[in-house]
Amino acid sequence: CTQSKNHQKVITRHLWKDDLEVCEDIRHQRGMKERYQQRKETIERLFGTAKEYHNLRYTRLRGKSKMEATLGLTLACLNMKKYSKIMAGIVFLVCLKVIISRPIVITIVKEKTSWINIPVCLQSEMEMYFHLFYVG
């Protein structure tokens, strides 16, 4: 069956297989079903909106840098749309990506607040902050 000289088949695990198993274990813990339902209602909806209304389903661009620029502008626009709703006092879930290597933070906004130094749509190595102030 095998082409090896010692007639043994070698099976290797993928580099990220251990991490995937940890994620699966977390997914099946108590209370995670509700969190995944919340994720489905908020984060997945963002990507669906971006794909449907902001031309991210297909692209005519070539090259990673051009697509990153387009994606960055699109996500910046979606973030500004969210922040304008926050400033108007509309209650909804906000998804902030703090740093590229860190997980996404989801917070519930229920009232008008003063926002200072909130990281938005990070597409580069350095942190960028978007300053919003509510005067009420």
Protein backbone atom coordinates (compact mmCIF):
# COMPACT_ATOMS: atom_id res chain seq x y z
CA CYS A 1 0.00 0.00 0.00
CA THR A 2 2.69 2.50 0.90
CA GLN A 3 5.67 3.62 -1.13
CA SER A 4 8.00 3.78 1.88
CA LYS A 5 10.84 1.30 2.22
CA ASN A 6 9.90 0.17 5.72
CA HIS A 7 6.19 -0.21 4.74
CA GLN A 8 4.92 2.15 7.44
CA LYS A 9 2.49 4.98 7.01
CA VAL A 10 3.37 8.21 8.83
CA ILE A 11 0.52 10.42 9.98
CA THR A 12 1.30 13.93 11.21
CA ARG A 13 -1.05 16.33 12.94
CA HIS A 14 -1.60 19.79 11.58
CA LEU A 15 0.27 22.62 13.27
CA TRP A 16 -2.95 24.24 14.58
CA LYS A 17 -4.83 21.04 15.47
CA ASP A 18 -4.25 21.48 19.22
CA ASP A 19 -5.62 25.03 19.09
CA LEU A 20 -8.64 23.88 17.11
CA GLU A 21 -9.38 21.24 19.74
CA VAL A 22 -9.19 23.87 22.51
CA CYS A 23 -11.66 26.04 20.56
CA GLU A 24 -14.00 23.08 20.18
CA ASP A 25 -13.83 22.40 23.93
CA ILE A 26 -14.64 26.05 24.69
CA ARG A 27 -17.51 26.00 22.20
CA HIS A 28 -19.17 23.10 24.04
CA GLN A 29 -18.90 24.65 27.52
CA ARG A 30 -21.92 25.89 29.45
CA GLY A 31 -23.27 29.25 28.30
CA MET A 32 -21.40 29.29 25.01
CA LYS A 33 -24.47 28.42 22.94
CA GLU A 34 -26.02 31.77 23.90
CA ARG A 35 -22.78 33.61 23.12
CA TYR A 36 -22.55 32.00 19.69
CA GLN A 37 -26.17 32.96 19.06
CA GLN A 38 -25.26 36.55 19.97
CA ARG A 39 -22.24 36.34 17.66
CA LYS A 40 -24.47 35.08 14.86
CA GLU A 41 -26.80 38.04 15.33
CA THR A 42 -24.09 40.71 15.46
CA ILE A 43 -20.75 39.83 13.91
CA GLU A 44 -22.02 37.54 11.15
CA ARG A 45 -24.54 40.22 10.26
CA LEU A 46 -21.73 42.74 9.79
CA PHE A 47 -19.97 40.50 7.31
CA GLY A 48 -23.24 39.80 5.51
CA THR A 49 -23.94 43.53 5.22
CA ALA A 50 -20.42 44.17 3.96
CA LYS A 51 -20.72 41.42 1.37
CA GLU A 52 -24.18 42.40 0.17
CA TYR A 53 -24.11 46.20 0.22
CA HIS A 54 -20.42 47.11 0.04
CA ASN A 55 -19.23 44.91 -2.85
CA LEU A 56 -17.19 42.44 -0.82
CA ARG A 57 -18.76 39.35 -2.33
CA TYR A 58 -16.57 39.57 -5.43
CA THR A 59 -13.67 41.83 -6.29
CA ARG A 60 -12.24 43.18 -9.50
CA LEU A 61 -9.03 44.20 -7.80
CA ARG A 62 -5.76 42.33 -8.10
CA GLY A 63 -3.27 42.17 -5.32
CA LYS A 64 -3.49 41.87 -1.58
CA SER A 65 -2.59 45.52 -0.90
CA LYS A 66 -5.42 46.87 -3.09
CA MET A 67 -7.96 44.59 -1.46
CA GLU A 68 -6.69 45.48 2.03
CA ALA A 69 -7.13 49.18 1.22
CA THR A 70 -10.68 48.62 -0.02
CA LEU A 71 -11.55 46.45 2.96
CA GLY A 72 -10.06 48.99 5.38
CA LEU A 73 -12.15 51.82 3.94
CA THR A 74 -15.29 49.69 4.00
CA LEU A 75 -14.79 48.66 7.62
CA ALA A 76 -13.99 52.26 8.59
CA CYS A 77 -17.30 53.35 7.04
CA LEU A 78 -19.18 50.62 8.91
CA ASN A 79 -17.48 51.71 12.16
CA MET A 80 -18.46 55.35 11.57
CA LYS A 81 -22.02 54.25 10.92
CA LYS A 82 -22.03 52.40 14.26
CA TYR A 83 -20.52 55.32 16.16
CA SER A 84 -23.10 57.72 14.74
CA LYS A 85 -25.81 55.38 16.05
CA ILE A 86 -24.09 55.34 19.44
CA MET A 87 -24.02 59.12 19.53
CA ALA A 88 -27.70 59.21 18.59
CA GLY A 89 -28.43 56.98 21.59
CA ILE A 90 -29.56 53.89 19.70
CA VAL A 91 -29.13 50.68 21.71
CA PHE A 92 -27.19 47.95 19.91
CA LEU A 93 -24.10 45.78 20.21
CA VAL A 94 -20.73 47.24 19.30
CA CYS A 95 -17.90 45.07 18.08
CA LEU A 96 -14.45 46.60 18.58
CA LYS A 97 -11.33 44.90 17.34
CA VAL A 98 -8.77 46.11 19.86
CA ILE A 99 -5.54 44.86 18.33
CA ILE A 100 -5.10 42.50 15.41
CA SER A 101 -3.57 39.76 17.57
CA ARG A 102 -6.19 40.04 20.33
CA PRO A 103 -9.78 38.76 20.31
CA ILE A 104 -12.75 40.90 19.40
CA VAL A 105 -14.44 42.67 22.32
CA ILE A 106 -18.23 42.91 22.29
CA THR A 107 -19.90 45.49 24.51
CA ILE A 108 -23.54 46.46 24.90
CA VAL A 109 -24.23 50.17 24.61
CA LYS A 110 -27.48 51.25 26.26
CA GLU A 111 -27.10 55.00 26.63
CA LYS A 112 -25.26 58.01 25.29
CA THR A 113 -21.75 58.05 26.66
CA SER A 114 -18.50 59.94 26.21
CA TRP A 115 -16.07 57.84 24.20
CA ILE A 116 -12.37 58.64 24.48
CA ASN A 117 -9.49 56.71 22.89
CA ILE A 118 -11.42 53.86 21.31
CA PRO A 119 -9.38 51.80 18.83
CA VAL A 120 -11.13 51.41 15.48
CA CYS A 121 -10.61 49.26 12.42
CA LEU A 122 -6.93 48.57 12.86
CA GLN A 123 -5.32 47.63 9.57
CA SER A 124 -1.72 48.44 10.43
CA GLU A 125 0.93 47.60 13.00
CA MET A 126 0.43 50.74 15.12
CA GLU A 127 -2.65 51.51 17.18
CA MET A 128 -4.89 54.28 15.89
CA TYR A 129 -7.47 55.96 18.07
CA PHE A 130 -10.71 57.60 17.05
CA HIS A 131 -11.83 60.37 19.43
CA LEU A 132 -15.55 60.86 19.93
CA PHE A 133 -17.07 63.18 22.49
CA TYR A 134 -20.72 63.53 23.40
CA VAL A 135 -21.82 66.89 24.71
CA GLY A 136 -25.27 66.55 26.18
